[in-house]
Amino acid sequence: MARTSRSATLDSKTKRLGLEKAKFYTETLANGCYLVYRRPQSDSAGTFYARWKSPETKKFQYSKIGAADDVVKADCVAVYTYQQAKDWAKDWFKRCSRKDQAEAAGEVVPKGEWTVKDVIDFYIADARKTRKNPKTAEDAVQAANANILPELGAIAIPRLTSGRVEKWHADLAVTTHPILECPAHAC
């Protein structure tokens, strides 16, 4: 079994509750990647944050992870253990890095949560730049506008389920290729 790293100040609620109130405590997870804990002024739960420094721009980005399990049991939705907060932060660092690399390469990256429309727009912009045949991109635009965007365009990617895609696909098959019923004697 893999060993998990421990923190001198943040890995247990006992240690965190012993920290000075109204202060931030930072733990370096990797170069430019930090897990931050803020001990509140009151005796309520502290809060975990992630801080990432872009190697390209040298700017920092912050994201609130959630409350620490100082007073309430962790649920990995609003309340996190030290290890859960660390895992959440590492995943967020990877997303920040991919986004930073895409922007450095001149790609247009949507802000916030991506929708199906954002992904299609991104694909089409890339197709227009890299494909030798411009008609390919225009065919994709027409197909997306006719078949995909009316039903799925506004859905955020994390909320797009396989069931939703299967239903859309089945509905599309019926509308574009209706089954012709033939008399029993003709088949």
Protein backbone atom coordinates (compact mmCIF):
# COMPACT_ATOMS: atom_id res chain seq x y z
CA MET A 1 0.00 0.00 0.00
CA ALA A 2 1.31 3.46 -0.92
CA ARG A 3 2.30 5.72 1.92
CA THR A 4 0.68 9.11 2.25
CA SER A 5 2.77 12.11 3.15
CA ARG A 6 2.09 13.81 6.44
CA SER A 7 2.10 17.46 7.36
CA ALA A 8 3.62 18.89 10.50
CA THR A 9 0.68 21.23 11.04
CA LEU A 10 -2.27 20.35 8.80
CA ASP A 11 -2.79 16.58 8.63
CA SER A 12 -4.96 16.18 11.74
CA LYS A 13 -7.79 18.16 13.24
CA THR A 14 -5.99 18.13 16.60
CA LYS A 15 -2.97 19.85 15.06
CA ARG A 16 -5.14 22.32 13.11
CA LEU A 17 -7.22 23.25 16.17
CA GLY A 18 -3.97 24.01 18.01
CA LEU A 19 -2.90 26.59 15.42
CA GLU A 20 -3.10 30.31 16.06
CA LYS A 21 -6.50 31.73 15.08
CA ALA A 22 -7.14 34.06 12.10
CA LYS A 23 -4.01 32.99 10.25
CA PHE A 24 -3.22 31.21 7.01
CA TYR A 25 -0.96 28.16 6.94
CA THR A 26 0.61 27.02 3.68
CA GLU A 27 2.02 23.64 2.76
CA THR A 28 4.01 23.18 -0.45
CA LEU A 29 2.82 20.09 -2.34
CA ALA A 30 5.03 20.61 -5.40
CA ASN A 31 6.81 23.46 -7.15
CA GLY A 32 4.17 26.22 -7.47
CA CYS A 33 1.44 24.04 -5.89
CA TYR A 34 0.23 24.85 -2.40
CA LEU A 35 -2.41 23.64 0.03
CA VAL A 36 -3.56 26.48 2.27
CA TYR A 37 -5.50 26.24 5.51
CA ARG A 38 -7.09 29.19 7.28
CA ARG A 39 -7.80 28.85 10.96
CA PRO A 40 -10.85 31.02 11.73
CA GLN A 41 -11.11 33.55 14.57
CA SER A 42 -13.94 31.53 16.12
CA ASP A 43 -13.85 27.90 17.17
CA SER A 44 -15.60 26.82 13.98
CA ALA A 45 -14.03 24.72 11.23
CA GLY A 46 -11.14 26.06 9.21
CA THR A 47 -11.07 26.21 5.42
CA PHE A 48 -8.82 24.53 2.86
CA TYR A 49 -7.71 26.39 -0.29
CA ALA A 50 -5.52 25.51 -3.25
CA ARG A 51 -3.00 27.99 -4.64
CA TRP A 52 -1.22 27.44 -7.95
CA LYS A 53 1.53 29.53 -9.56
CA SER A 54 1.66 29.51 -13.34
CA PRO A 55 5.16 28.71 -14.63
CA GLU A 56 4.29 30.68 -17.78
CA THR A 57 2.90 33.93 -16.35
CA LYS A 58 4.12 33.64 -12.73
CA LYS A 59 0.58 34.63 -11.62
CA PHE A 60 -1.22 32.88 -8.80
CA GLN A 61 -4.66 31.31 -8.99
CA TYR A 62 -6.68 30.39 -5.93
CA SER A 63 -9.58 28.05 -5.39
CA LYS A 64 -11.56 27.38 -2.24
CA ILE A 65 -11.72 23.64 -1.60
CA GLY A 66 -14.08 23.63 1.37
CA ALA A 67 -14.30 23.37 5.13
CA ALA A 68 -11.87 21.20 7.03
CA ASP A 69 -13.16 18.31 9.12
CA ASP A 70 -12.27 20.20 12.31
CA VAL A 71 -15.76 19.99 13.82
CA VAL A 72 -17.92 18.02 11.37
CA LYS A 73 -17.24 14.66 9.72
CA ALA A 74 -15.88 14.93 6.15
CA ASP A 75 -18.27 14.30 3.26
CA CYS A 76 -15.88 15.19 0.40
CA VAL A 77 -18.45 17.68 -0.91
CA ALA A 78 -18.41 20.58 1.53
CA VAL A 79 -16.17 19.19 4.30
CA TYR A 80 -12.77 17.61 3.61
CA THR A 81 -10.10 15.70 5.47
CA TYR A 82 -6.51 16.77 4.96
CA GLN A 83 -5.90 13.94 2.45
CA GLN A 84 -9.13 14.65 0.54
CA ALA A 85 -8.23 18.36 0.32
CA LYS A 86 -4.76 17.42 -0.90
CA ASP A 87 -6.18 15.10 -3.59
CA TRP A 88 -8.70 17.76 -4.66
CA ALA A 89 -5.90 20.33 -4.91
CA LYS A 90 -3.67 18.02 -6.98
CA ASP A 91 -6.49 17.43 -9.45
CA TRP A 92 -7.12 21.19 -9.67
CA PHE A 93 -3.38 21.83 -10.25
CA LYS A 94 -3.46 19.46 -13.25
CA ARG A 95 -6.44 21.32 -14.73
CA CYS A 96 -4.71 24.67 -14.17
CA SER A 97 -1.55 23.38 -15.85
CA ARG A 98 -3.42 22.06 -18.92
CA LYS A 99 -5.31 25.35 -19.24
CA ASP A 100 -2.10 27.36 -18.84
CA GLN A 101 -0.35 25.30 -21.54
CA ALA A 102 -3.30 25.69 -23.93
CA GLU A 103 -3.36 29.47 -23.43
CA ALA A 104 0.44 29.67 -23.90
CA ALA A 105 0.00 27.81 -27.21
CA GLY A 106 -2.47 30.50 -28.33
CA GLU A 107 -5.60 28.42 -27.91
CA VAL A 108 -8.79 30.14 -26.82
CA VAL A 109 -9.90 28.55 -23.57
CA PRO A 110 -13.39 29.27 -22.23
CA LYS A 111 -13.63 30.67 -18.73
CA GLY A 112 -15.54 28.74 -16.09
CA GLU A 113 -17.26 25.43 -16.66
CA TRP A 114 -17.18 24.14 -20.24
CA THR A 115 -20.43 23.31 -22.01
CA VAL A 116 -20.96 21.04 -24.99
CA LYS A 117 -21.11 24.21 -27.13
CA ASP A 118 -17.72 25.36 -25.79
CA VAL A 119 -16.14 22.01 -26.68
CA ILE A 120 -17.61 22.07 -30.19
CA ASP A 121 -16.53 25.69 -30.73
CA PHE A 122 -13.03 24.76 -29.54
CA TYR A 123 -12.92 21.76 -31.91
CA ILE A 124 -14.15 23.83 -34.87
CA ALA A 125 -11.65 26.63 -34.22
CA ASP A 126 -8.89 24.02 -34.14
CA ALA A 127 -10.23 22.36 -37.31
CA ARG A 128 -10.21 25.70 -39.14
CA LYS A 129 -6.56 26.24 -38.18
CA THR A 130 -5.18 22.78 -38.75
CA ARG A 131 -7.23 21.05 -41.44
CA LYS A 132 -6.18 21.34 -45.05
CA ASN A 133 -9.75 21.20 -46.28
CA PRO A 134 -11.80 24.15 -44.89
CA LYS A 135 -14.99 22.38 -45.96
CA THR A 136 -14.41 19.85 -43.16
CA ALA A 137 -14.80 22.56 -40.51
CA GLU A 138 -17.87 24.00 -42.22
CA ASP A 139 -19.46 20.54 -42.41
CA ALA A 140 -18.83 20.18 -38.67
CA VAL A 141 -20.47 23.56 -38.02
CA GLN A 142 -23.57 22.59 -39.97
CA ALA A 143 -23.83 19.17 -38.32
CA ALA A 144 -23.37 20.64 -34.83
CA ASN A 145 -25.92 23.40 -35.43
CA ALA A 146 -28.48 20.99 -36.82
CA ASN A 147 -28.05 17.96 -34.58
CA ILE A 148 -26.03 18.56 -31.43
CA LEU A 149 -26.35 22.12 -30.14
CA PRO A 150 -30.17 22.35 -30.00
CA GLU A 151 -30.36 19.46 -27.54
CA LEU A 152 -26.98 19.31 -25.80
CA GLY A 153 -25.28 22.69 -26.35
CA ALA A 154 -26.10 24.27 -22.99
CA ILE A 155 -25.20 21.23 -20.87
CA ALA A 156 -22.05 21.59 -18.76
CA ILE A 157 -19.57 18.79 -19.50
CA PRO A 158 -19.44 17.46 -15.91
CA ARG A 159 -23.24 17.10 -16.01
CA LEU A 160 -23.33 15.30 -19.36
CA THR A 161 -24.15 11.66 -18.64
CA SER A 162 -23.90 8.64 -20.89
CA GLY A 163 -27.66 8.16 -20.44
CA ARG A 164 -28.31 11.68 -21.74
CA VAL A 165 -26.06 11.10 -24.76
CA GLU A 166 -27.71 7.73 -25.48
CA LYS A 167 -31.19 9.32 -25.33
CA TRP A 168 -30.08 12.14 -27.64
CA HIS A 169 -28.56 9.62 -30.05
CA ALA A 170 -31.70 7.45 -30.08
CA ASP A 171 -33.93 10.51 -30.63
CA LEU A 172 -31.64 11.69 -33.42
CA ALA A 173 -31.77 8.30 -35.13
CA VAL A 174 -35.58 8.35 -35.11
CA THR A 175 -35.83 11.89 -36.51
CA THR A 176 -33.20 11.47 -39.23
CA HIS A 177 -33.93 7.88 -40.24
CA PRO A 178 -37.50 6.94 -39.39
CA ILE A 179 -38.19 3.25 -39.59
CA LEU A 180 -40.46 2.55 -42.48
CA GLU A 181 -43.18 0.17 -41.59
CA CYS A 182 -44.05 -2.20 -44.32
CA PRO A 183 -47.00 -4.51 -44.61
CA ALA A 184 -46.32 -7.98 -43.30
CA HIS A 185 -46.79 -9.52 -46.71
CA ALA A 186 -44.25 -7.23 -48.40
CA CYS A 187 -41.30 -8.13 -46.14
